[in-house]
Amino acid sequence: MASFTTTFIAESQEILSTVDVDSIEALAHGLAEVRDCGGRLFILGVGGSAGHASHAVNDFRKLCGFEAYAPTDNVSELTARINDEGWDGCYASWLTTSRISTRDGVLVFSVGGGNEEKRVSVNLVRALQTARKAGARVYGIVGRDGGYTRRVADACVVVPVVNPQRITPHTEGACAVLWHLLVSHPALQVAATRWESVA
């Protein structure tokens, strides 16, 4: 019997070999259009995906020349909004204060993509409603069926489910691989990574 490690790695390989390459390309070129028209990139995530959002903001700013932000990078503002306005609207009100506009883009990292009916990641749903109302573009890297993010996105990568018992770790793991693919993509990358540039 294969060890857990062997099985997990094999599942990860299956995900990367079956993910829709065309949706990744659409995401890369859509994001490039946001940057090239002077738009900002707002990256949203909850839980582990919030950590991903913070890391990705760094990469998109440094390697791709975006003006990029994540609401979770300012814990004082975020917790004030949650305390005063509630969890469901905290990202939406942050986008409103950021004066999100037609030039901007929102990139969502999420295991489920948000589902208002099931009361899961409703703050992502409300944020995307705000983004759409403002005319901003919406992008996502999500798992399961893609949820609300997939329904309203201009381009969305849905991480394939290969084992229903490991949807969360595989989605979050694949998300890290895919955003690193994006910041390395020739349509987006404008600055070299440090170790590759050291002679």
N, C-alpha and C. Protein backbone atom coordinates (compact mmCIF):
# COMPACT_ATOMS: atom_id res chain seq x y z
N MET A 1 0.85 -1.20 0.00
CA MET A 1 0.00 0.00 0.00
C MET A 1 0.88 1.24 0.00
N ALA A 2 0.52 2.20 -0.83
CA ALA A 2 1.31 3.43 -0.92
C ALA A 2 1.21 4.21 0.39
N SER A 3 2.28 4.88 0.75
CA SER A 3 2.26 5.70 1.95
C SER A 3 1.39 6.92 1.71
N PHE A 4 0.97 7.57 2.80
CA PHE A 4 0.18 8.79 2.69
C PHE A 4 0.92 9.84 1.88
N THR A 5 2.22 9.96 2.11
CA THR A 5 3.01 10.96 1.39
C THR A 5 2.97 10.71 -0.11
N THR A 6 3.15 9.46 -0.51
CA THR A 6 3.11 9.12 -1.93
C THR A 6 1.75 9.42 -2.53
N THR A 7 0.70 9.10 -1.79
CA THR A 7 -0.67 9.34 -2.26
C THR A 7 -0.94 10.83 -2.41
N PHE A 8 -0.57 11.62 -1.40
CA PHE A 8 -0.82 13.06 -1.44
C PHE A 8 -0.09 13.71 -2.61
N ILE A 9 1.15 13.31 -2.82
CA ILE A 9 1.93 13.87 -3.93
C ILE A 9 1.32 13.47 -5.27
N ALA A 10 0.87 12.22 -5.37
CA ALA A 10 0.24 11.76 -6.61
C ALA A 10 -1.04 12.55 -6.89
N GLU A 11 -1.82 12.82 -5.84
CA GLU A 11 -3.04 13.62 -6.01
C GLU A 11 -2.70 15.04 -6.48
N SER A 12 -1.65 15.61 -5.89
CA SER A 12 -1.22 16.95 -6.28
C SER A 12 -0.78 16.98 -7.74
N GLN A 13 -0.08 15.96 -8.16
CA GLN A 13 0.35 15.88 -9.55
C GLN A 13 -0.84 15.76 -10.50
N GLU A 14 -1.84 14.98 -10.07
CA GLU A 14 -3.05 14.83 -10.90
C GLU A 14 -3.77 16.17 -11.05
N ILE A 15 -3.84 16.93 -9.97
CA ILE A 15 -4.48 18.25 -10.04
C ILE A 15 -3.77 19.14 -11.04
N LEU A 16 -2.46 19.21 -10.94
CA LEU A 16 -1.71 20.10 -11.83
C LEU A 16 -1.72 19.63 -13.28
N SER A 17 -1.88 18.32 -13.48
CA SER A 17 -1.90 17.81 -14.85
C SER A 17 -3.28 17.93 -15.49
N THR A 18 -4.32 18.18 -14.68
CA THR A 18 -5.67 18.25 -15.23
C THR A 18 -6.31 19.63 -15.11
N VAL A 19 -5.65 20.58 -14.44
CA VAL A 19 -6.22 21.93 -14.33
C VAL A 19 -6.34 22.54 -15.72
N ASP A 20 -7.36 23.35 -15.92
CA ASP A 20 -7.64 23.95 -17.22
C ASP A 20 -6.61 25.04 -17.56
N VAL A 21 -5.73 24.72 -18.48
CA VAL A 21 -4.65 25.63 -18.86
C VAL A 21 -5.20 26.90 -19.51
N ASP A 22 -6.27 26.77 -20.28
CA ASP A 22 -6.84 27.94 -20.94
C ASP A 22 -7.36 28.96 -19.92
N SER A 23 -7.91 28.48 -18.81
CA SER A 23 -8.40 29.41 -17.79
C SER A 23 -7.24 30.13 -17.11
N ILE A 24 -6.10 29.46 -16.97
CA ILE A 24 -4.92 30.11 -16.40
C ILE A 24 -4.43 31.21 -17.34
N GLU A 25 -4.38 30.90 -18.62
CA GLU A 25 -3.95 31.90 -19.61
C GLU A 25 -4.90 33.10 -19.63
N ALA A 26 -6.20 32.83 -19.55
CA ALA A 26 -7.17 33.92 -19.52
C ALA A 26 -6.97 34.79 -18.29
N LEU A 27 -6.66 34.16 -17.17
CA LEU A 27 -6.41 34.90 -15.93
C LEU A 27 -5.16 35.76 -16.07
N ALA A 28 -4.09 35.20 -16.61
CA ALA A 28 -2.84 35.96 -16.79
C ALA A 28 -3.06 37.18 -17.68
N HIS A 29 -3.72 37.00 -18.78
CA HIS A 29 -3.90 38.12 -19.72
C HIS A 29 -4.92 39.14 -19.20
N GLY A 30 -5.93 38.66 -18.48
CA GLY A 30 -6.88 39.59 -17.87
C GLY A 30 -6.21 40.46 -16.82
N LEU A 31 -5.39 39.85 -15.98
CA LEU A 31 -4.66 40.62 -14.96
C LEU A 31 -3.71 41.62 -15.61
N ALA A 32 -3.05 41.21 -16.69
CA ALA A 32 -2.15 42.12 -17.39
C ALA A 32 -2.90 43.34 -17.91
N GLU A 33 -4.13 43.15 -18.38
CA GLU A 33 -4.93 44.27 -18.86
C GLU A 33 -5.25 45.25 -17.74
N VAL A 34 -5.54 44.72 -16.56
CA VAL A 34 -5.80 45.58 -15.40
C VAL A 34 -4.58 46.45 -15.11
N ARG A 35 -3.43 45.82 -15.02
CA ARG A 35 -2.20 46.57 -14.73
C ARG A 35 -1.89 47.58 -15.82
N ASP A 36 -2.00 47.15 -17.08
CA ASP A 36 -1.58 47.99 -18.18
C ASP A 36 -2.49 49.20 -18.40
N CYS A 37 -3.72 49.13 -17.86
CA CYS A 37 -4.60 50.31 -17.96
C CYS A 37 -4.53 51.15 -16.69
N GLY A 38 -3.56 50.85 -15.81
CA GLY A 38 -3.37 51.65 -14.61
C GLY A 38 -4.27 51.28 -13.46
N GLY A 39 -4.89 50.11 -13.54
CA GLY A 39 -5.76 49.67 -12.45
C GLY A 39 -5.00 49.06 -11.29
N ARG A 40 -5.67 49.03 -10.17
CA ARG A 40 -5.11 48.39 -8.97
C ARG A 40 -5.65 46.97 -8.86
N LEU A 41 -4.93 46.14 -8.10
CA LEU A 41 -5.34 44.75 -7.87
C LEU A 41 -5.59 44.55 -6.39
N PHE A 42 -6.82 44.15 -6.06
CA PHE A 42 -7.20 43.86 -4.68
C PHE A 42 -7.32 42.34 -4.54
N ILE A 43 -6.54 41.76 -3.64
CA ILE A 43 -6.51 40.30 -3.49
C ILE A 43 -7.20 39.93 -2.19
N LEU A 44 -8.22 39.06 -2.30
CA LEU A 44 -9.06 38.71 -1.17
C LEU A 44 -8.96 37.21 -0.86
N GLY A 45 -8.89 36.91 0.42
CA GLY A 45 -8.93 35.51 0.86
C GLY A 45 -9.35 35.45 2.32
N VAL A 46 -9.78 34.28 2.75
CA VAL A 46 -10.21 34.05 4.12
C VAL A 46 -9.42 32.86 4.67
N GLY A 47 -9.03 32.94 5.93
CA GLY A 47 -8.27 31.84 6.53
C GLY A 47 -6.90 31.70 5.90
N GLY A 48 -6.55 30.47 5.51
CA GLY A 48 -5.27 30.25 4.86
C GLY A 48 -5.12 31.06 3.59
N SER A 49 -6.23 31.29 2.91
CA SER A 49 -6.20 32.09 1.68
C SER A 49 -5.91 33.55 1.95
N ALA A 50 -6.18 34.02 3.18
CA ALA A 50 -5.79 35.39 3.54
C ALA A 50 -4.28 35.50 3.62
N GLY A 51 -3.64 34.45 4.15
CA GLY A 51 -2.18 34.40 4.15
C GLY A 51 -1.62 34.38 2.73
N HIS A 52 -2.26 33.60 1.88
CA HIS A 52 -1.87 33.59 0.46
C HIS A 52 -2.00 34.98 -0.15
N ALA A 53 -3.10 35.67 0.18
CA ALA A 53 -3.33 37.00 -0.40
C ALA A 53 -2.20 37.95 -0.05
N SER A 54 -1.76 37.91 1.20
CA SER A 54 -0.67 38.79 1.64
C SER A 54 0.62 38.49 0.88
N HIS A 55 0.94 37.21 0.77
CA HIS A 55 2.15 36.81 0.04
C HIS A 55 2.03 37.22 -1.43
N ALA A 56 0.86 36.98 -2.02
CA ALA A 56 0.68 37.29 -3.44
C ALA A 56 0.75 38.79 -3.71
N VAL A 57 0.26 39.62 -2.79
CA VAL A 57 0.38 41.07 -2.95
C VAL A 57 1.85 41.43 -3.13
N ASN A 58 2.70 40.87 -2.30
CA ASN A 58 4.14 41.11 -2.43
C ASN A 58 4.64 40.74 -3.81
N ASP A 59 4.27 39.55 -4.27
CA ASP A 59 4.77 39.07 -5.56
C ASP A 59 4.25 39.90 -6.73
N PHE A 60 2.96 40.22 -6.71
CA PHE A 60 2.40 41.01 -7.81
C PHE A 60 2.97 42.43 -7.84
N ARG A 61 3.26 42.99 -6.67
CA ARG A 61 3.86 44.32 -6.63
C ARG A 61 5.31 44.28 -7.12
N LYS A 62 6.09 43.39 -6.51
CA LYS A 62 7.54 43.39 -6.75
C LYS A 62 7.92 42.82 -8.11
N LEU A 63 7.27 41.73 -8.51
CA LEU A 63 7.66 41.05 -9.74
C LEU A 63 6.88 41.51 -10.97
N CYS A 64 5.65 42.01 -10.75
CA CYS A 64 4.78 42.32 -11.89
C CYS A 64 4.41 43.79 -12.01
N GLY A 65 4.84 44.62 -11.06
CA GLY A 65 4.61 46.05 -11.16
C GLY A 65 3.17 46.49 -10.91
N PHE A 66 2.41 45.70 -10.18
CA PHE A 66 1.04 46.09 -9.83
C PHE A 66 1.03 47.01 -8.62
N GLU A 67 0.03 47.88 -8.57
CA GLU A 67 -0.36 48.49 -7.31
C GLU A 67 -1.39 47.53 -6.72
N ALA A 68 -0.96 46.77 -5.72
CA ALA A 68 -1.80 45.68 -5.20
C ALA A 68 -1.94 45.78 -3.69
N TYR A 69 -3.09 45.33 -3.20
CA TYR A 69 -3.40 45.42 -1.77
C TYR A 69 -4.27 44.24 -1.34
N ALA A 70 -4.21 43.91 -0.05
CA ALA A 70 -5.11 42.93 0.56
C ALA A 70 -5.69 43.53 1.83
N PRO A 71 -6.99 43.42 2.06
CA PRO A 71 -7.59 44.01 3.26
C PRO A 71 -7.07 43.39 4.55
N THR A 72 -6.61 42.17 4.47
CA THR A 72 -6.13 41.47 5.66
C THR A 72 -4.74 41.92 6.08
N ASP A 73 -4.09 42.77 5.30
CA ASP A 73 -2.77 43.26 5.69
C ASP A 73 -2.83 44.36 6.74
N ASN A 74 -4.00 44.92 6.97
CA ASN A 74 -4.16 45.94 8.02
C ASN A 74 -5.15 45.40 9.04
N VAL A 75 -4.63 44.69 10.04
CA VAL A 75 -5.50 44.01 11.00
C VAL A 75 -6.31 44.99 11.83
N SER A 76 -5.78 46.18 12.09
CA SER A 76 -6.52 47.17 12.87
C SER A 76 -7.77 47.62 12.11
N GLU A 77 -7.60 47.98 10.84
CA GLU A 77 -8.77 48.40 10.06
C GLU A 77 -9.75 47.25 9.89
N LEU A 78 -9.23 46.06 9.57
CA LEU A 78 -10.11 44.92 9.32
C LEU A 78 -10.95 44.59 10.56
N THR A 79 -10.31 44.52 11.72
CA THR A 79 -11.07 44.17 12.92
C THR A 79 -12.02 45.28 13.34
N ALA A 80 -11.68 46.53 13.06
CA ALA A 80 -12.61 47.63 13.32
C ALA A 80 -13.85 47.49 12.45
N ARG A 81 -13.64 47.16 11.18
CA ARG A 81 -14.78 46.99 10.28
C ARG A 81 -15.64 45.79 10.71
N ILE A 82 -15.00 44.70 11.09
CA ILE A 82 -15.76 43.53 11.55
C ILE A 82 -16.55 43.88 12.81
N ASN A 83 -15.92 44.58 13.73
CA ASN A 83 -16.58 44.96 14.97
C ASN A 83 -17.77 45.89 14.75
N ASP A 84 -17.59 46.87 13.86
CA ASP A 84 -18.61 47.91 13.68
C ASP A 84 -19.63 47.56 12.60
N GLU A 85 -19.20 46.84 11.55
CA GLU A 85 -20.06 46.61 10.40
C GLU A 85 -20.41 45.15 10.18
N GLY A 86 -19.70 44.25 10.84
CA GLY A 86 -19.96 42.82 10.69
C GLY A 86 -19.03 42.15 9.69
N TRP A 87 -18.90 40.86 9.85
CA TRP A 87 -18.00 40.06 9.01
C TRP A 87 -18.44 40.08 7.55
N ASP A 88 -19.74 39.92 7.31
CA ASP A 88 -20.21 39.76 5.94
C ASP A 88 -19.86 40.96 5.05
N GLY A 89 -19.83 42.16 5.61
CA GLY A 89 -19.60 43.34 4.80
C GLY A 89 -18.21 43.94 4.91
N CYS A 90 -17.32 43.28 5.67
CA CYS A 90 -16.02 43.93 5.96
C CYS A 90 -15.17 44.15 4.71
N TYR A 91 -15.14 43.21 3.78
CA TYR A 91 -14.34 43.40 2.58
C TYR A 91 -15.02 44.36 1.61
N ALA A 92 -16.35 44.29 1.55
CA ALA A 92 -17.09 45.19 0.66
C ALA A 92 -16.88 46.65 1.06
N SER A 93 -16.96 46.93 2.36
CA SER A 93 -16.78 48.31 2.81
C SER A 93 -15.34 48.76 2.60
N TRP A 94 -14.39 47.85 2.73
CA TRP A 94 -12.98 48.16 2.47
C TRP A 94 -12.78 48.53 0.99
N LEU A 95 -13.42 47.78 0.09
CA LEU A 95 -13.33 48.10 -1.34
C LEU A 95 -13.98 49.44 -1.64
N THR A 96 -15.09 49.73 -0.98
CA THR A 96 -15.77 51.01 -1.19
C THR A 96 -14.87 52.16 -0.75
N THR A 97 -14.26 52.03 0.42
CA THR A 97 -13.34 53.07 0.91
C THR A 97 -12.13 53.21 -0.02
N SER A 98 -11.72 52.11 -0.64
CA SER A 98 -10.61 52.13 -1.59
C SER A 98 -11.00 52.73 -2.93
N ARG A 99 -12.28 53.10 -3.06
CA ARG A 99 -12.81 53.70 -4.29
C ARG A 99 -12.56 52.80 -5.50
N ILE A 100 -12.91 51.53 -5.33
CA ILE A 100 -12.77 50.58 -6.43
C ILE A 100 -13.51 51.10 -7.65
N SER A 101 -12.88 50.94 -8.82
CA SER A 101 -13.45 51.52 -10.04
C SER A 101 -13.33 50.56 -11.21
N THR A 102 -13.75 51.02 -12.36
CA THR A 102 -13.76 50.19 -13.56
C THR A 102 -12.36 49.76 -14.01
N ARG A 103 -11.36 50.50 -13.62
CA ARG A 103 -9.99 50.14 -14.02
C ARG A 103 -9.41 49.02 -13.17
N ASP A 104 -9.99 48.78 -11.98
CA ASP A 104 -9.40 47.88 -11.00
C ASP A 104 -9.81 46.43 -11.21
N GLY A 105 -9.08 45.55 -10.52
CA GLY A 105 -9.40 44.13 -10.53
C GLY A 105 -9.40 43.57 -9.13
N VAL A 106 -10.21 42.54 -8.92
CA VAL A 106 -10.25 41.80 -7.66
C VAL A 106 -9.86 40.36 -7.97
N LEU A 107 -8.92 39.84 -7.21
CA LEU A 107 -8.49 38.45 -7.35
C LEU A 107 -8.83 37.72 -6.06
N VAL A 108 -9.64 36.66 -6.17
CA VAL A 108 -10.08 35.89 -5.00
C VAL A 108 -9.34 34.57 -4.94
N PHE A 109 -8.82 34.26 -3.77
CA PHE A 109 -8.31 32.93 -3.45
C PHE A 109 -9.29 32.31 -2.47
N SER A 110 -9.87 31.16 -2.81
CA SER A 110 -10.88 30.58 -1.92
C SER A 110 -11.07 29.10 -2.22
N VAL A 111 -11.27 28.32 -1.17
CA VAL A 111 -11.54 26.90 -1.35
C VAL A 111 -12.90 26.70 -2.00
N GLY A 112 -13.90 27.50 -1.62
CA GLY A 112 -15.24 27.31 -2.15
C GLY A 112 -15.77 28.43 -3.01
N GLY A 113 -15.10 29.58 -3.02
CA GLY A 113 -15.53 30.68 -3.86
C GLY A 113 -16.62 31.55 -3.30
N GLY A 114 -17.14 31.20 -2.11
CA GLY A 114 -18.21 31.97 -1.47
C GLY A 114 -19.59 31.43 -1.84
N ASN A 115 -20.45 31.35 -0.85
CA ASN A 115 -21.81 30.85 -1.08
C ASN A 115 -22.73 31.50 -0.05
N GLU A 116 -23.53 32.46 -0.51
CA GLU A 116 -24.39 33.20 0.41
C GLU A 116 -25.49 32.31 0.99
N GLU A 117 -26.04 31.41 0.18
CA GLU A 117 -27.12 30.55 0.65
C GLU A 117 -26.65 29.63 1.78
N LYS A 118 -25.44 29.11 1.68
CA LYS A 118 -24.90 28.22 2.71
C LYS A 118 -24.16 28.96 3.82
N ARG A 119 -24.12 30.31 3.69
CA ARG A 119 -23.47 31.16 4.69
C ARG A 119 -21.97 30.82 4.84
N VAL A 120 -21.31 30.63 3.73
CA VAL A 120 -19.87 30.35 3.73
C VAL A 120 -19.16 31.45 2.95
N SER A 121 -18.21 32.11 3.59
CA SER A 121 -17.42 33.18 2.96
C SER A 121 -18.33 34.23 2.31
N VAL A 122 -19.34 34.65 3.07
CA VAL A 122 -20.27 35.65 2.56
C VAL A 122 -19.55 36.98 2.33
N ASN A 123 -18.49 37.24 3.09
CA ASN A 123 -17.76 38.49 2.87
C ASN A 123 -17.14 38.54 1.47
N LEU A 124 -16.77 37.39 0.91
CA LEU A 124 -16.28 37.36 -0.46
C LEU A 124 -17.41 37.67 -1.45
N VAL A 125 -18.58 37.09 -1.20
CA VAL A 125 -19.73 37.34 -2.07
C VAL A 125 -20.06 38.83 -2.09
N ARG A 126 -20.16 39.44 -0.92
CA ARG A 126 -20.52 40.86 -0.85
C ARG A 126 -19.43 41.73 -1.49
N ALA A 127 -18.18 41.34 -1.31
CA ALA A 127 -17.08 42.10 -1.93
C ALA A 127 -17.18 42.04 -3.45
N LEU A 128 -17.50 40.86 -3.98
CA LEU A 128 -17.60 40.73 -5.44
C LEU A 128 -18.83 41.46 -5.97
N GLN A 129 -19.89 41.50 -5.20
CA GLN A 129 -21.05 42.29 -5.61
C GLN A 129 -20.67 43.77 -5.68
N THR A 130 -19.90 44.24 -4.72
CA THR A 130 -19.43 45.62 -4.72
C THR A 130 -18.52 45.89 -5.91
N ALA A 131 -17.62 44.94 -6.18
CA ALA A 131 -16.70 45.09 -7.31
C ALA A 131 -17.46 45.15 -8.62
N ARG A 132 -18.42 44.27 -8.80
CA ARG A 132 -19.21 44.24 -10.02
C ARG A 132 -20.03 45.53 -10.19
N LYS A 133 -20.60 46.00 -9.10
CA LYS A 133 -21.38 47.24 -9.16
C LYS A 133 -20.51 48.41 -9.60
N ALA A 134 -19.23 48.38 -9.19
CA ALA A 134 -18.30 49.45 -9.57
C ALA A 134 -17.73 49.26 -10.97
N GLY A 135 -18.00 48.11 -11.58
CA GLY A 135 -17.49 47.85 -12.92
C GLY A 135 -16.10 47.27 -12.95
N ALA A 136 -15.59 46.84 -11.79
CA ALA A 136 -14.25 46.26 -11.73
C ALA A 136 -14.25 44.84 -12.29
N ARG A 137 -13.10 44.38 -12.70
CA ARG A 137 -12.97 43.02 -13.20
C ARG A 137 -12.77 42.05 -12.02
N VAL A 138 -13.24 40.84 -12.20
CA VAL A 138 -13.18 39.84 -11.14
C VAL A 138 -12.45 38.60 -11.64
N TYR A 139 -11.52 38.12 -10.83
CA TYR A 139 -10.74 36.93 -11.15
C TYR A 139 -10.69 36.02 -9.93
N GLY A 140 -10.41 34.74 -10.16
CA GLY A 140 -10.35 33.84 -9.02
C GLY A 140 -9.51 32.60 -9.26
N ILE A 141 -8.98 32.08 -8.17
CA ILE A 141 -8.42 30.73 -8.11
C ILE A 141 -9.16 30.07 -6.96
N VAL A 142 -10.03 29.13 -7.29
CA VAL A 142 -10.95 28.57 -6.31
C VAL A 142 -11.05 27.06 -6.46
N GLY A 143 -11.66 26.43 -5.46
CA GLY A 143 -11.84 24.99 -5.49
C GLY A 143 -13.30 24.60 -5.60
N ARG A 144 -13.57 23.33 -5.36
CA ARG A 144 -14.92 22.76 -5.41
C ARG A 144 -15.58 23.08 -6.75
N ASP A 145 -16.77 23.70 -6.71
CA ASP A 145 -17.45 24.07 -7.96
C ASP A 145 -17.20 25.52 -8.34
N GLY A 146 -16.37 26.21 -7.56
CA GLY A 146 -16.03 27.60 -7.84
C GLY A 146 -16.92 28.61 -7.15
N GLY A 147 -18.11 28.18 -6.68
CA GLY A 147 -18.99 29.04 -5.92
C GLY A 147 -19.36 30.33 -6.65
N TYR A 148 -19.61 31.36 -5.85
CA TYR A 148 -20.04 32.65 -6.39
C TYR A 148 -18.94 33.28 -7.25
N THR A 149 -17.69 33.08 -6.85
CA THR A 149 -16.58 33.66 -7.60
C THR A 149 -16.61 33.21 -9.05
N ARG A 150 -16.76 31.93 -9.26
CA ARG A 150 -16.77 31.42 -10.63
C ARG A 150 -17.95 31.98 -11.42
N ARG A 151 -19.09 32.14 -10.77
CA ARG A 151 -20.29 32.61 -11.47
C ARG A 151 -20.13 34.03 -12.00
N VAL A 152 -19.37 34.87 -11.29
CA VAL A 152 -19.30 36.28 -11.70
C VAL A 152 -17.93 36.68 -12.27
N ALA A 153 -16.99 35.76 -12.31
CA ALA A 153 -15.62 36.11 -12.70
C ALA A 153 -15.47 36.32 -14.21
N ASP A 154 -14.56 37.22 -14.54
CA ASP A 154 -14.14 37.38 -15.93
C ASP A 154 -13.25 36.23 -16.36
N ALA A 155 -12.45 35.74 -15.43
CA ALA A 155 -11.62 34.55 -15.65
C ALA A 155 -11.43 33.89 -14.29
N CYS A 156 -11.53 32.56 -14.28
CA CYS A 156 -11.46 31.85 -13.01
C CYS A 156 -10.85 30.47 -13.22
N VAL A 157 -9.88 30.13 -12.39
CA VAL A 157 -9.29 28.80 -12.40
C VAL A 157 -9.94 28.00 -11.28
N VAL A 158 -10.54 26.88 -11.64
CA VAL A 158 -11.14 25.99 -10.65
C VAL A 158 -10.20 24.79 -10.45
N VAL A 159 -9.70 24.65 -9.24
CA VAL A 159 -8.79 23.55 -8.93
C VAL A 159 -9.58 22.25 -8.90
N PRO A 160 -9.21 21.27 -9.72
CA PRO A 160 -9.97 20.02 -9.77
C PRO A 160 -9.97 19.28 -8.43
N VAL A 161 -11.09 18.65 -8.13
CA VAL A 161 -11.20 17.82 -6.93
C VAL A 161 -10.79 16.40 -7.30
N VAL A 162 -9.72 15.92 -6.70
CA VAL A 162 -9.29 14.55 -6.96
C VAL A 162 -9.53 13.64 -5.76
N ASN A 163 -9.72 14.23 -4.58
CA ASN A 163 -10.04 13.46 -3.38
C ASN A 163 -10.93 14.32 -2.50
N PRO A 164 -12.21 13.96 -2.35
CA PRO A 164 -13.13 14.78 -1.55
C PRO A 164 -12.72 14.95 -0.10
N GLN A 165 -11.84 14.11 0.39
CA GLN A 165 -11.36 14.23 1.77
C GLN A 165 -10.25 15.26 1.94
N ARG A 166 -9.70 15.75 0.81
CA ARG A 166 -8.58 16.68 0.90
C ARG A 166 -8.77 17.89 -0.03
N ILE A 167 -9.99 18.38 -0.11
CA ILE A 167 -10.27 19.52 -0.98
C ILE A 167 -9.52 20.76 -0.51
N THR A 168 -9.56 21.05 0.79
CA THR A 168 -8.93 22.28 1.29
C THR A 168 -7.41 22.28 1.10
N PRO A 169 -6.69 21.25 1.58
CA PRO A 169 -5.23 21.34 1.39
C PRO A 169 -4.80 21.33 -0.06
N HIS A 170 -5.51 20.58 -0.89
CA HIS A 170 -5.13 20.57 -2.30
C HIS A 170 -5.45 21.89 -3.00
N THR A 171 -6.59 22.49 -2.67
CA THR A 171 -6.92 23.77 -3.29
C THR A 171 -5.94 24.84 -2.87
N GLU A 172 -5.65 24.91 -1.57
CA GLU A 172 -4.72 25.94 -1.11
C GLU A 172 -3.30 25.69 -1.62
N GLY A 173 -2.90 24.44 -1.71
CA GLY A 173 -1.58 24.12 -2.26
C GLY A 173 -1.48 24.48 -3.72
N ALA A 174 -2.51 24.13 -4.49
CA ALA A 174 -2.50 24.45 -5.92
C ALA A 174 -2.56 25.96 -6.14
N CYS A 175 -3.29 26.66 -5.28
CA CYS A 175 -3.37 28.12 -5.40
C CYS A 175 -1.98 28.74 -5.32
N ALA A 176 -1.17 28.27 -4.39
CA ALA A 176 0.19 28.81 -4.26
C ALA A 176 1.00 28.54 -5.52
N VAL A 177 0.87 27.35 -6.07
CA VAL A 177 1.58 27.03 -7.31
C VAL A 177 1.10 27.94 -8.44
N LEU A 178 -0.22 28.12 -8.54
CA LEU A 178 -0.78 28.87 -9.66
C LEU A 178 -0.49 30.36 -9.58
N TRP A 179 -0.52 30.96 -8.38
CA TRP A 179 -0.19 32.39 -8.36
C TRP A 179 1.30 32.59 -8.63
N HIS A 180 2.14 31.64 -8.22
CA HIS A 180 3.56 31.75 -8.58
C HIS A 180 3.75 31.56 -10.08
N LEU A 181 2.93 30.71 -10.70
CA LEU A 181 2.95 30.62 -12.16
C LEU A 181 2.60 31.98 -12.76
N LEU A 182 1.56 32.61 -12.24
CA LEU A 182 1.11 33.89 -12.79
C LEU A 182 2.18 34.97 -12.68
N VAL A 183 2.82 35.09 -11.52
CA VAL A 183 3.82 36.15 -11.36
C VAL A 183 5.10 35.85 -12.13
N SER A 184 5.22 34.61 -12.65
CA SER A 184 6.34 34.23 -13.51
C SER A 184 5.97 34.27 -14.99
N HIS A 185 4.69 34.48 -15.27
CA HIS A 185 4.18 34.43 -16.64
C HIS A 185 4.72 35.62 -17.44
N PRO A 186 5.14 35.39 -18.70
CA PRO A 186 5.68 36.48 -19.50
C PRO A 186 4.72 37.63 -19.73
N ALA A 187 3.42 37.39 -19.62
CA ALA A 187 2.46 38.48 -19.77
C ALA A 187 2.43 39.38 -18.55
N LEU A 188 2.99 38.91 -17.44
CA LEU A 188 2.90 39.66 -16.18
C LEU A 188 4.24 40.05 -15.57
N GLN A 189 5.21 39.17 -15.60
CA GLN A 189 6.46 39.44 -14.88
C GLN A 189 7.28 40.52 -15.57
N VAL A 190 7.69 41.53 -14.78
CA VAL A 190 8.51 42.61 -15.32
C VAL A 190 9.85 42.73 -14.60
N ALA A 191 10.01 42.05 -13.46
CA ALA A 191 11.26 42.11 -12.70
C ALA A 191 11.72 40.69 -12.38
N ALA A 192 13.03 40.51 -12.41
CA ALA A 192 13.58 39.18 -12.15
C ALA A 192 13.50 38.85 -10.66
N THR A 193 13.33 37.57 -10.36
CA THR A 193 13.45 37.13 -8.97
C THR A 193 14.92 37.15 -8.58
N ARG A 194 15.18 37.36 -7.31
CA ARG A 194 16.55 37.65 -6.85
C ARG A 194 17.54 36.52 -7.13
N TRP A 195 17.23 35.31 -6.74
CA TRP A 195 18.24 34.25 -6.89
C TRP A 195 18.54 33.94 -8.36
N GLU A 196 17.51 34.08 -9.21
CA GLU A 196 17.75 33.84 -10.63
C GLU A 196 18.60 34.93 -11.27
N SER A 197 18.63 36.11 -10.63
CA SER A 197 19.39 37.21 -11.21
C SER A 197 20.82 37.31 -10.66
N VAL A 198 21.13 36.48 -9.65
CA VAL A 198 22.48 36.49 -9.07
C VAL A 198 23.40 35.65 -9.95
N ALA A 199 24.45 36.25 -10.42
CA ALA A 199 25.36 35.55 -11.31
C ALA A 199 26.15 34.47 -10.57
